[in-house]
Amino acid sequence: MVNIASRGSFSGKIGFIMAAAASAVGLGNLWRFPYLAAEYGGGIFLLVYLIVVVTFGFTLMITEIAIGRKTGKSALGAFEEFGQKYRFIGILQTIIPLIIVPYYCVITGWVMKYAFDYLTGSGSELSQSDFFGDFTQFSLDGVLDSPFIWFILVAVIVMLAVSRGVEKGVERISKVLMPILLVLLVGLCVYTFTIPGIWDGLKYYLYPDFSHLSASTFLGAIGQLFYSMSLAMGIMIAYGSYMKKDVPIESSVRRISITDTSVAILSGLLIVPVVYVFSNGDMVSGPGLMFETLPSVFGDMFGGNVIGAVFFILVLFAALTSAISLFEALSSIIIDRWGLTRRKAVALVLIAVLVLGSLSCFGYGPLSGIEILGLKFLDFFDFISNSILMPIVAILTCLFVGYILKPKAIIDEVEITGEFKSKKMYVFCIKYLCPVCLVLILITGLLSFLGVYTI
């Protein structure tokens, strides 16, 4: 068993909640959730999402945090603690952030570029239909018009934050950025209420359309959890390993879930009605929504440059905190595995991020002619991590805890600080509900890629 004091730890309950919530709140909340809410009937999707958060999401997060705290180790070492034959689960949990954090830093670099341009008065250029394509394809002139420069800047900032340690780096930055993020988000939502015609957009977002209630609605909501709650990436296991024994797990997870879900719903409240009003409800997901549709919308709004600047600063803070958590998950594995100092560990992670991230960054420009399974590097990394590896890791974790380790081991860890009020629901979810749903998510992800079925 590893002494958590020798590895660093969060200062207490508030520090842990803020760091974990900051990790969970990221690009998934801001560019995927609004699209899914609009696609699947507004209010009915919100209701379904809340249901899966308090069952499915709650169960997986409790499990990962408890495993981390019980073993005092990050993902790889945590599963080794239970036996060498389970080491492969930890290896998969290590591969996922290694794949994600490089391209996540590339996307965060795009966000930083947009925030910079809005702040320096160049926001009108961002609303041009061909700007984003030209930017990512390296077709613009000037050093600050290169996505590679912004990618490197983000990677270095994240590295410096993680090198400061758990409490002085990860926790302290989360405590600063999360409140600012929430204030900016609420402020923007309040502003949108003053836009003429916005109430039609609010109705479109909030009114439950039961005709959209189907298996696809539930699968879409469950799939969103991976993007939104930092699950199956080794992050929550690492954060759990930094969690002190006197911090209650159950109530902490509830607060993290509430914060993350609130940000997702508020993001939808901000984005969906505005797009509905200014773009006739023409919603797209991912980069198209963030870097093309919204700048176009801001260009048509009164005070759009100011709103655009505030919005992309908000997105930047969310993206940075998630990138920091991914970086920390990898660093903690290296520290545990090879006993390196934190600075050496983060330097190694930085090298890996720069190498793999360069493929994603140049994949739309100089390396655009190279594809894997018909996908650009970034799209391939996103597909293999989110649609394949994450569901597999979550399935393996559920089966391991449900039938090998047994739920009692997790329940005992949670009950160190008091009664586990939801333990009956937890046992049902970890043994039956979650594995079945995860298998469906994995199958539909593969079928979607093959063009056979679309969630």
Protein backbone atom coordinates (compact mmCIF):
# COMPACT_ATOMS: atom_id res chain seq x y z
CA MET A 1 0.00 0.00 0.00
CA VAL A 2 1.32 3.44 -0.96
CA ASN A 3 1.41 6.22 1.58
CA ILE A 4 -0.67 9.01 0.04
CA ALA A 5 1.29 11.65 1.94
CA SER A 6 4.42 10.71 -0.06
CA ARG A 7 2.57 11.24 -3.36
CA GLY A 8 0.73 14.41 -2.44
CA SER A 9 -2.96 14.77 -1.68
CA PHE A 10 -5.86 17.15 -1.93
CA SER A 11 -6.23 19.45 1.05
CA GLY A 12 -9.68 18.13 1.93
CA LYS A 13 -13.23 17.65 0.71
CA ILE A 14 -13.59 21.03 -1.00
CA GLY A 15 -10.24 20.70 -2.74
CA PHE A 16 -11.10 17.23 -4.02
CA ILE A 17 -14.58 18.22 -5.22
CA MET A 18 -13.29 21.32 -7.01
CA ALA A 19 -10.49 19.41 -8.75
CA ALA A 20 -12.72 16.48 -9.76
CA ALA A 21 -15.51 18.79 -10.93
CA ALA A 22 -12.99 20.86 -12.91
CA SER A 23 -11.81 17.66 -14.56
CA ALA A 24 -15.35 16.60 -15.42
CA VAL A 25 -16.36 19.99 -16.83
CA GLY A 26 -14.82 20.20 -20.28
CA LEU A 27 -15.49 20.35 -23.98
CA GLY A 28 -18.02 17.52 -23.73
CA ASN A 29 -20.30 19.79 -21.71
CA LEU A 30 -19.94 22.71 -24.07
CA TRP A 31 -20.07 21.30 -27.57
CA ARG A 32 -21.59 17.83 -27.36
CA PHE A 33 -24.31 18.11 -24.71
CA PRO A 34 -26.14 21.07 -26.34
CA TYR A 35 -26.18 19.27 -29.69
CA LEU A 36 -27.55 16.04 -28.17
CA ALA A 37 -30.19 17.95 -26.21
CA ALA A 38 -31.39 19.65 -29.39
CA GLU A 39 -31.21 16.39 -31.37
CA TYR A 40 -33.15 14.28 -28.88
CA GLY A 41 -36.14 16.39 -27.99
CA GLY A 42 -34.85 19.03 -25.57
CA GLY A 43 -36.49 18.51 -22.19
CA ILE A 44 -36.95 14.77 -22.64
CA PHE A 45 -33.20 14.34 -23.20
CA LEU A 46 -32.49 16.44 -20.11
CA LEU A 47 -34.73 14.16 -18.06
CA VAL A 48 -33.11 11.00 -19.42
CA TYR A 49 -29.64 12.44 -18.86
CA LEU A 50 -30.44 13.22 -15.22
CA ILE A 51 -31.62 9.64 -14.73
CA VAL A 52 -28.43 8.11 -16.15
CA VAL A 53 -26.23 10.54 -14.17
CA VAL A 54 -27.70 9.50 -10.80
CA THR A 55 -27.51 5.79 -11.65
CA PHE A 56 -24.93 4.97 -14.30
CA GLY A 57 -22.57 7.93 -13.82
CA PHE A 58 -22.81 7.84 -10.02
CA THR A 59 -21.92 4.13 -9.96
CA LEU A 60 -18.87 4.38 -12.19
CA MET A 61 -17.49 7.45 -10.46
CA ILE A 62 -17.95 5.92 -6.98
CA THR A 63 -16.17 2.80 -8.22
CA GLU A 64 -13.15 4.57 -9.70
CA ILE A 65 -12.62 6.94 -6.79
CA ALA A 66 -12.96 4.13 -4.25
CA ILE A 67 -10.45 1.95 -6.14
CA GLY A 68 -7.98 4.83 -6.19
CA ARG A 69 -8.33 5.61 -2.48
CA LYS A 70 -8.37 1.96 -1.42
CA THR A 71 -5.08 1.20 -3.17
CA GLY A 72 -3.46 4.63 -2.88
CA LYS A 73 -2.28 4.24 -6.47
CA SER A 74 -3.07 5.48 -9.97
CA ALA A 75 -4.82 3.30 -12.56
CA LEU A 76 -2.00 0.93 -13.53
CA GLY A 77 -0.80 0.27 -9.99
CA ALA A 78 -4.32 0.11 -8.59
CA PHE A 79 -5.33 -2.91 -10.68
CA GLU A 80 -1.94 -4.55 -10.09
CA GLU A 81 -2.67 -4.27 -6.38
CA PHE A 82 -5.50 -6.76 -6.84
CA GLY A 83 -3.35 -9.20 -8.82
CA GLN A 84 -1.02 -9.24 -11.83
CA LYS A 85 -3.64 -10.90 -14.01
CA TYR A 86 -5.79 -7.75 -13.74
CA ARG A 87 -2.93 -5.49 -14.76
CA PHE A 88 -4.21 -5.31 -18.33
CA ILE A 89 -7.20 -3.23 -17.17
CA GLY A 90 -4.78 -0.68 -15.76
CA ILE A 91 -2.77 -0.75 -18.99
CA LEU A 92 -5.89 0.09 -20.99
CA GLN A 93 -6.72 2.89 -18.54
CA THR A 94 -3.21 4.23 -19.15
CA ILE A 95 -3.52 4.13 -22.94
CA ILE A 96 -6.74 6.16 -22.98
CA PRO A 97 -5.40 9.46 -21.53
CA LEU A 98 -2.20 8.93 -23.53
CA ILE A 99 -4.35 9.00 -26.68
CA ILE A 100 -6.72 11.77 -25.56
CA VAL A 101 -4.55 14.44 -23.95
CA PRO A 102 -2.42 15.18 -27.07
CA TYR A 103 -5.38 15.91 -29.35
CA TYR A 104 -7.24 17.58 -26.46
CA CYS A 105 -4.34 20.06 -26.20
CA VAL A 106 -4.61 20.66 -29.95
CA ILE A 107 -8.31 21.51 -29.65
CA THR A 108 -7.63 23.65 -26.57
CA GLY A 109 -5.08 25.51 -28.68
CA TRP A 110 -7.84 26.28 -31.20
CA VAL A 111 -9.97 27.63 -28.33
CA MET A 112 -7.10 29.78 -27.07
CA LYS A 113 -6.56 31.21 -30.57
CA TYR A 114 -10.25 32.19 -30.80
CA ALA A 115 -10.24 33.73 -27.32
CA PHE A 116 -7.11 35.71 -28.21
CA ASP A 117 -8.58 37.00 -31.47
CA TYR A 118 -11.80 38.10 -29.79
CA LEU A 119 -9.86 39.85 -27.03
CA THR A 120 -7.64 41.66 -29.54
CA GLY A 121 -10.56 42.87 -31.64
CA SER A 122 -10.26 40.40 -34.51
CA GLY A 123 -13.49 38.58 -33.77
CA SER A 124 -15.15 39.61 -37.01
CA GLU A 125 -12.64 37.47 -38.96
CA LEU A 126 -13.65 34.38 -36.98
CA SER A 127 -17.23 34.59 -38.21
CA GLN A 128 -16.16 34.14 -41.83
CA SER A 129 -17.26 30.76 -43.12
CA ASP A 130 -13.83 29.67 -44.30
CA PHE A 131 -11.73 30.90 -41.35
CA PHE A 132 -11.69 27.71 -39.28
CA GLY A 133 -10.82 25.53 -42.24
CA ASP A 134 -8.02 27.86 -43.31
CA PHE A 135 -6.69 28.02 -39.74
CA THR A 136 -6.56 24.26 -39.14
CA GLN A 137 -5.14 23.65 -42.63
CA PHE A 138 -2.22 26.05 -41.97
CA SER A 139 -3.45 28.33 -44.77
CA LEU A 140 -3.17 31.59 -42.80
CA ASP A 141 -0.09 33.81 -42.59
CA GLY A 142 1.63 34.90 -39.40
CA VAL A 143 3.12 33.09 -36.41
CA LEU A 144 -0.03 33.48 -34.30
CA ASP A 145 -2.12 32.05 -37.12
CA SER A 146 -0.39 28.68 -36.79
CA PRO A 147 -2.37 26.07 -34.79
CA PHE A 148 0.95 24.41 -33.90
CA ILE A 149 2.08 27.45 -31.89
CA TRP A 150 -1.15 27.46 -29.88
CA PHE A 151 -0.91 23.71 -29.32
CA ILE A 152 2.61 24.02 -27.92
CA LEU A 153 1.56 26.94 -25.71
CA VAL A 154 -1.32 24.95 -24.22
CA ALA A 155 0.84 21.86 -23.66
CA VAL A 156 3.49 23.90 -21.83
CA ILE A 157 0.89 25.70 -19.66
CA VAL A 158 -0.68 22.37 -18.68
CA MET A 159 2.74 20.87 -17.95
CA LEU A 160 3.67 23.79 -15.70
CA ALA A 161 0.38 23.50 -13.80
CA VAL A 162 0.81 19.77 -13.17
CA SER A 163 4.48 20.15 -12.22
CA ARG A 164 3.36 22.24 -9.24
CA GLY A 165 1.90 19.16 -7.61
CA VAL A 166 -1.52 17.98 -6.49
CA GLU A 167 -2.45 20.63 -3.92
CA LYS A 168 -0.41 23.59 -5.17
CA GLY A 169 -1.00 22.89 -8.85
CA VAL A 170 -4.06 20.83 -9.78
CA GLU A 171 -6.20 21.80 -6.79
CA ARG A 172 -5.24 25.48 -6.59
CA ILE A 173 -5.84 26.11 -10.30
CA SER A 174 -9.19 24.31 -10.11
CA LYS A 175 -10.25 26.45 -7.16
CA VAL A 176 -9.52 29.58 -9.19
CA LEU A 177 -10.82 28.61 -12.62
CA MET A 178 -14.01 26.73 -11.65
CA PRO A 179 -15.74 29.65 -9.85
CA ILE A 180 -14.78 32.02 -12.69
CA LEU A 181 -16.12 29.52 -15.22
CA LEU A 182 -19.44 29.23 -13.40
CA VAL A 183 -19.82 33.01 -13.06
CA LEU A 184 -19.09 33.56 -16.76
CA LEU A 185 -21.52 30.81 -17.76
CA VAL A 186 -24.36 32.13 -15.61
CA GLY A 187 -23.66 35.68 -16.77
CA LEU A 188 -23.84 34.68 -20.44
CA CYS A 189 -27.06 32.74 -19.84
CA VAL A 190 -28.64 35.80 -18.20
CA TYR A 191 -27.55 37.96 -21.13
CA THR A 192 -29.16 35.63 -23.67
CA PHE A 193 -32.55 36.18 -21.99
CA THR A 194 -32.43 39.77 -23.33
CA ILE A 195 -32.15 38.66 -26.97
CA PRO A 196 -35.37 39.22 -28.96
CA GLY A 197 -37.10 35.96 -29.82
CA ILE A 198 -35.02 33.95 -27.34
CA TRP A 199 -38.10 32.50 -25.62
CA ASP A 200 -38.90 30.43 -28.69
CA GLY A 201 -35.39 29.03 -28.48
CA LEU A 202 -35.77 28.31 -24.76
CA LYS A 203 -38.98 26.43 -25.45
CA TYR A 204 -37.21 24.44 -28.16
CA TYR A 205 -34.49 23.48 -25.64
CA LEU A 206 -36.58 22.84 -22.53
CA TYR A 207 -39.92 21.54 -23.82
CA PRO A 208 -39.96 17.71 -23.65
CA ASP A 209 -40.68 16.14 -27.03
CA PHE A 210 -41.73 12.59 -26.12
CA SER A 211 -41.61 11.51 -29.75
CA HIS A 212 -37.81 11.44 -29.34
CA LEU A 213 -37.94 9.08 -26.35
CA SER A 214 -36.33 5.86 -27.53
CA ALA A 215 -33.43 3.51 -26.86
CA SER A 216 -31.24 5.90 -28.85
CA THR A 217 -32.04 8.69 -26.39
CA PHE A 218 -30.76 6.59 -23.49
CA LEU A 219 -27.71 5.41 -25.42
CA GLY A 220 -26.88 8.98 -26.42
CA ALA A 221 -27.21 10.13 -22.80
CA ILE A 222 -25.03 7.30 -21.48
CA GLY A 223 -22.41 7.93 -24.16
CA GLN A 224 -22.34 11.60 -23.13
CA LEU A 225 -21.36 10.59 -19.60
CA PHE A 226 -17.92 9.50 -20.76
CA TYR A 227 -17.28 12.89 -22.30
CA SER A 228 -18.84 14.75 -19.42
CA MET A 229 -17.75 13.01 -16.21
CA SER A 230 -14.12 11.97 -16.88
CA LEU A 231 -14.97 8.26 -16.59
CA ALA A 232 -12.85 5.29 -17.75
CA MET A 233 -9.76 7.45 -18.30
CA GLY A 234 -7.85 6.72 -15.09
CA ILE A 235 -8.48 10.28 -13.91
CA MET A 236 -10.87 9.50 -11.07
CA ILE A 237 -8.71 6.60 -9.90
CA ALA A 238 -5.71 8.96 -9.72
CA TYR A 239 -7.76 11.63 -7.96
CA GLY A 240 -9.14 9.02 -5.58
CA SER A 241 -5.57 8.02 -4.69
CA TYR A 242 -4.98 11.62 -3.57
CA MET A 243 -8.16 11.64 -1.47
CA LYS A 244 -7.81 11.57 2.30
CA LYS A 245 -9.56 8.81 4.23
CA ASP A 246 -11.72 11.25 6.21
CA VAL A 247 -13.31 12.71 3.06
CA PRO A 248 -16.71 11.09 2.34
CA ILE A 249 -16.83 9.57 -1.13
CA GLU A 250 -20.61 9.34 -1.65
CA SER A 251 -21.49 12.95 -0.86
CA SER A 252 -18.43 14.18 -2.78
CA VAL A 253 -19.50 12.28 -5.90
CA ARG A 254 -23.00 13.73 -5.63
CA ARG A 255 -21.62 17.26 -5.53
CA ILE A 256 -19.30 16.58 -8.47
CA SER A 257 -22.23 15.15 -10.46
CA ILE A 258 -24.44 18.14 -9.60
CA THR A 259 -21.75 20.62 -10.65
CA ASP A 260 -20.92 18.84 -13.89
CA THR A 261 -24.57 18.32 -14.85
CA SER A 262 -25.44 21.92 -14.01
CA VAL A 263 -22.69 23.17 -16.32
CA ALA A 264 -23.93 20.88 -19.10
CA ILE A 265 -27.54 22.04 -18.75
CA LEU A 266 -26.50 25.71 -18.52
CA SER A 267 -24.31 25.27 -21.60
CA GLY A 268 -27.34 23.98 -23.46
CA LEU A 269 -29.36 26.89 -22.09
CA LEU A 270 -26.76 29.27 -23.48
CA ILE A 271 -26.07 27.64 -26.85
CA VAL A 272 -29.25 25.93 -28.09
CA PRO A 273 -31.68 28.89 -27.88
CA VAL A 274 -29.12 31.30 -29.38
CA VAL A 275 -28.38 28.99 -32.31
CA TYR A 276 -32.11 28.41 -32.75
CA VAL A 277 -32.77 32.16 -33.02
CA PHE A 278 -29.83 33.12 -35.22
CA SER A 279 -29.36 29.97 -37.30
CA ASN A 280 -32.91 28.61 -37.50
CA GLY A 281 -32.02 25.69 -35.24
CA ASP A 282 -29.24 24.46 -37.55
CA MET A 283 -27.29 22.56 -34.86
CA VAL A 284 -24.10 20.66 -35.54
CA SER A 285 -21.87 18.93 -33.02
CA GLY A 286 -18.21 19.17 -32.11
CA PRO A 287 -15.79 21.62 -33.75
CA GLY A 288 -18.39 22.75 -36.30
CA LEU A 289 -20.63 24.08 -33.53
CA MET A 290 -17.82 25.65 -31.52
CA PHE A 291 -15.64 27.15 -34.22
CA GLU A 292 -18.01 27.84 -37.11
CA THR A 293 -21.67 28.11 -36.06
CA LEU A 294 -21.17 30.07 -32.82
CA PRO A 295 -18.70 32.67 -34.23
CA SER A 296 -21.20 33.22 -37.05
CA VAL A 297 -23.97 33.68 -34.45
CA PHE A 298 -21.82 36.10 -32.42
CA GLY A 299 -21.17 38.07 -35.60
CA ASP A 300 -24.92 38.67 -35.95
CA MET A 301 -25.49 39.58 -32.29
CA PHE A 302 -25.39 43.00 -30.70
CA GLY A 303 -22.13 43.13 -28.75
CA GLY A 304 -21.11 39.88 -30.37
CA ASN A 305 -17.36 40.52 -30.07
CA VAL A 306 -17.63 40.96 -26.30
CA ILE A 307 -19.91 37.92 -25.95
CA GLY A 308 -17.54 35.89 -28.13
CA ALA A 309 -14.55 36.87 -26.00
CA VAL A 310 -16.33 35.92 -22.76
CA PHE A 311 -17.61 32.67 -24.25
CA PHE A 312 -14.23 31.47 -25.50
CA ILE A 313 -12.53 32.41 -22.24
CA LEU A 314 -15.16 30.27 -20.52
CA VAL A 315 -14.49 27.38 -22.92
CA LEU A 316 -10.73 27.84 -22.49
CA PHE A 317 -10.96 27.50 -18.71
CA ALA A 318 -13.09 24.36 -19.06
CA ALA A 319 -10.70 22.84 -21.59
CA LEU A 320 -7.58 23.66 -19.55
CA THR A 321 -8.88 22.09 -16.35
CA SER A 322 -9.76 18.89 -18.21
CA ALA A 323 -6.39 18.81 -19.97
CA ILE A 324 -4.68 19.23 -16.60
CA SER A 325 -6.55 16.23 -15.19
CA LEU A 326 -5.63 14.05 -18.19
CA PHE A 327 -1.99 15.13 -17.88
CA GLU A 328 -2.07 14.40 -14.14
CA ALA A 329 -3.51 10.91 -14.71
CA LEU A 330 -0.49 10.03 -16.89
CA SER A 331 2.03 11.72 -14.60
CA SER A 332 0.73 9.87 -11.55
CA ILE A 333 1.15 6.52 -13.34
CA ILE A 334 4.78 7.31 -14.18
CA ILE A 335 5.51 8.49 -10.64
CA ASP A 336 3.99 5.36 -9.13
CA ARG A 337 5.47 2.94 -11.64
CA TRP A 338 9.05 4.14 -11.90
CA GLY A 339 9.44 6.33 -8.82
CA LEU A 340 10.46 9.38 -10.82
CA THR A 341 10.17 12.88 -9.44
CA ARG A 342 7.11 14.83 -10.51
CA ARG A 343 9.15 17.15 -12.73
CA LYS A 344 10.74 14.26 -14.62
CA ALA A 345 7.37 12.55 -14.98
CA VAL A 346 5.62 15.60 -16.40
CA ALA A 347 8.55 16.20 -18.75
CA LEU A 348 8.10 12.69 -20.16
CA VAL A 349 4.37 13.24 -20.55
CA LEU A 350 5.04 16.56 -22.30
CA ILE A 351 7.30 14.84 -24.83
CA ALA A 352 4.62 12.23 -25.57
CA VAL A 353 1.97 14.95 -25.88
CA LEU A 354 4.08 16.98 -28.31
CA VAL A 355 4.86 13.95 -30.49
CA LEU A 356 1.34 12.50 -30.68
CA GLY A 357 -0.33 15.91 -30.66
CA SER A 358 1.73 17.00 -33.66
CA LEU A 359 0.07 14.25 -35.69
CA SER A 360 -3.38 15.61 -34.78
CA CYS A 361 -2.30 19.20 -35.32
CA PHE A 362 -0.71 18.64 -38.73
CA GLY A 363 -3.34 16.07 -39.69
CA TYR A 364 -5.56 18.79 -41.17
CA GLY A 365 -2.63 20.54 -42.85
CA PRO A 366 0.70 19.11 -44.09
CA LEU A 367 -0.32 15.53 -43.14
CA SER A 368 -3.88 15.77 -44.43
CA GLY A 369 -3.19 13.15 -47.08
CA ILE A 370 -2.59 10.48 -44.43
CA GLU A 371 -5.66 8.78 -42.94
CA ILE A 372 -6.33 5.76 -40.73
CA LEU A 373 -9.53 3.85 -41.52
CA GLY A 374 -10.61 6.87 -43.53
CA LEU A 375 -10.14 9.25 -40.60
CA LYS A 376 -7.75 12.12 -39.95
CA PHE A 377 -5.36 11.53 -37.05
CA LEU A 378 -7.40 13.57 -34.56
CA ASP A 379 -10.69 11.95 -35.58
CA PHE A 380 -9.13 8.48 -35.39
CA PHE A 381 -7.70 9.11 -31.92
CA ASP A 382 -11.08 10.42 -30.77
CA PHE A 383 -12.93 7.42 -32.20
CA ILE A 384 -10.59 4.74 -30.84
CA SER A 385 -10.51 6.28 -27.35
CA ASN A 386 -14.10 7.38 -26.87
CA SER A 387 -16.05 4.82 -28.89
CA ILE A 388 -13.91 1.72 -28.37
CA LEU A 389 -11.45 1.80 -25.47
CA MET A 390 -13.51 3.73 -22.91
CA PRO A 391 -16.57 1.43 -23.12
CA ILE A 392 -14.28 -1.62 -22.99
CA VAL A 393 -12.47 -0.33 -19.90
CA ALA A 394 -15.76 0.53 -18.20
CA ILE A 395 -17.17 -2.95 -18.98
CA LEU A 396 -14.05 -4.63 -17.59
CA THR A 397 -14.14 -2.45 -14.47
CA CYS A 398 -17.79 -3.30 -13.81
CA LEU A 399 -17.24 -7.02 -14.30
CA PHE A 400 -14.12 -6.96 -12.14
CA VAL A 401 -15.81 -5.14 -9.26
CA GLY A 402 -19.16 -6.90 -9.66
CA TYR A 403 -17.96 -10.49 -9.88
CA ILE A 404 -14.27 -10.74 -8.88
CA LEU A 405 -13.42 -8.07 -6.32
CA LYS A 406 -17.10 -7.98 -5.25
CA PRO A 407 -19.10 -4.77 -4.57
CA LYS A 408 -18.51 -5.16 -0.81
CA ALA A 409 -14.90 -4.03 -1.24
CA ILE A 410 -16.07 -0.71 -2.72
CA ILE A 411 -18.91 -0.39 -0.19
CA ASP A 412 -16.46 -0.90 2.70
CA GLU A 413 -14.21 1.84 1.34
CA VAL A 414 -17.14 4.24 0.97
CA GLU A 415 -18.40 3.43 4.48
CA ILE A 416 -15.15 4.43 6.16
CA THR A 417 -16.79 7.82 6.70
CA GLY A 418 -20.36 6.63 7.31
CA GLU A 419 -23.25 4.71 5.84
CA PHE A 420 -23.35 4.21 2.05
CA LYS A 421 -26.95 5.29 1.53
CA SER A 422 -27.20 4.12 -2.08
CA LYS A 423 -25.45 0.77 -1.73
CA LYS A 424 -28.42 -1.33 -2.90
CA MET A 425 -28.71 0.71 -6.08
CA TYR A 426 -24.93 0.60 -6.44
CA VAL A 427 -24.81 -3.21 -6.35
CA PHE A 428 -27.61 -3.51 -8.94
CA CYS A 429 -25.97 -0.99 -11.27
CA ILE A 430 -22.40 -2.32 -11.05
CA LYS A 431 -23.44 -5.96 -11.56
CA TYR A 432 -26.28 -5.68 -14.06
CA LEU A 433 -27.34 -2.26 -15.39
CA CYS A 434 -23.96 -0.74 -16.23
CA PRO A 435 -22.39 -3.76 -18.00
CA VAL A 436 -25.45 -4.25 -20.23
CA CYS A 437 -25.66 -0.56 -21.16
CA LEU A 438 -21.92 -0.38 -21.79
CA VAL A 439 -22.01 -3.35 -24.15
CA LEU A 440 -24.80 -1.61 -26.08
CA ILE A 441 -22.75 1.60 -26.22
CA LEU A 442 -19.75 -0.32 -27.57
CA ILE A 443 -21.83 -2.13 -30.20
CA THR A 444 -23.62 1.00 -31.37
CA GLY A 445 -20.31 2.86 -31.53
CA LEU A 446 -18.89 0.23 -33.85
CA LEU A 447 -22.07 0.06 -35.95
CA SER A 448 -22.11 3.86 -36.20
CA PHE A 449 -18.55 3.85 -37.49
CA LEU A 450 -19.47 1.21 -40.06
CA GLY A 451 -22.45 3.31 -41.14
CA VAL A 452 -24.97 0.66 -40.12
CA TYR A 453 -26.57 2.57 -37.24
CA THR A 454 -26.45 6.12 -35.90
CA ILE A 455 -27.21 7.01 -32.29
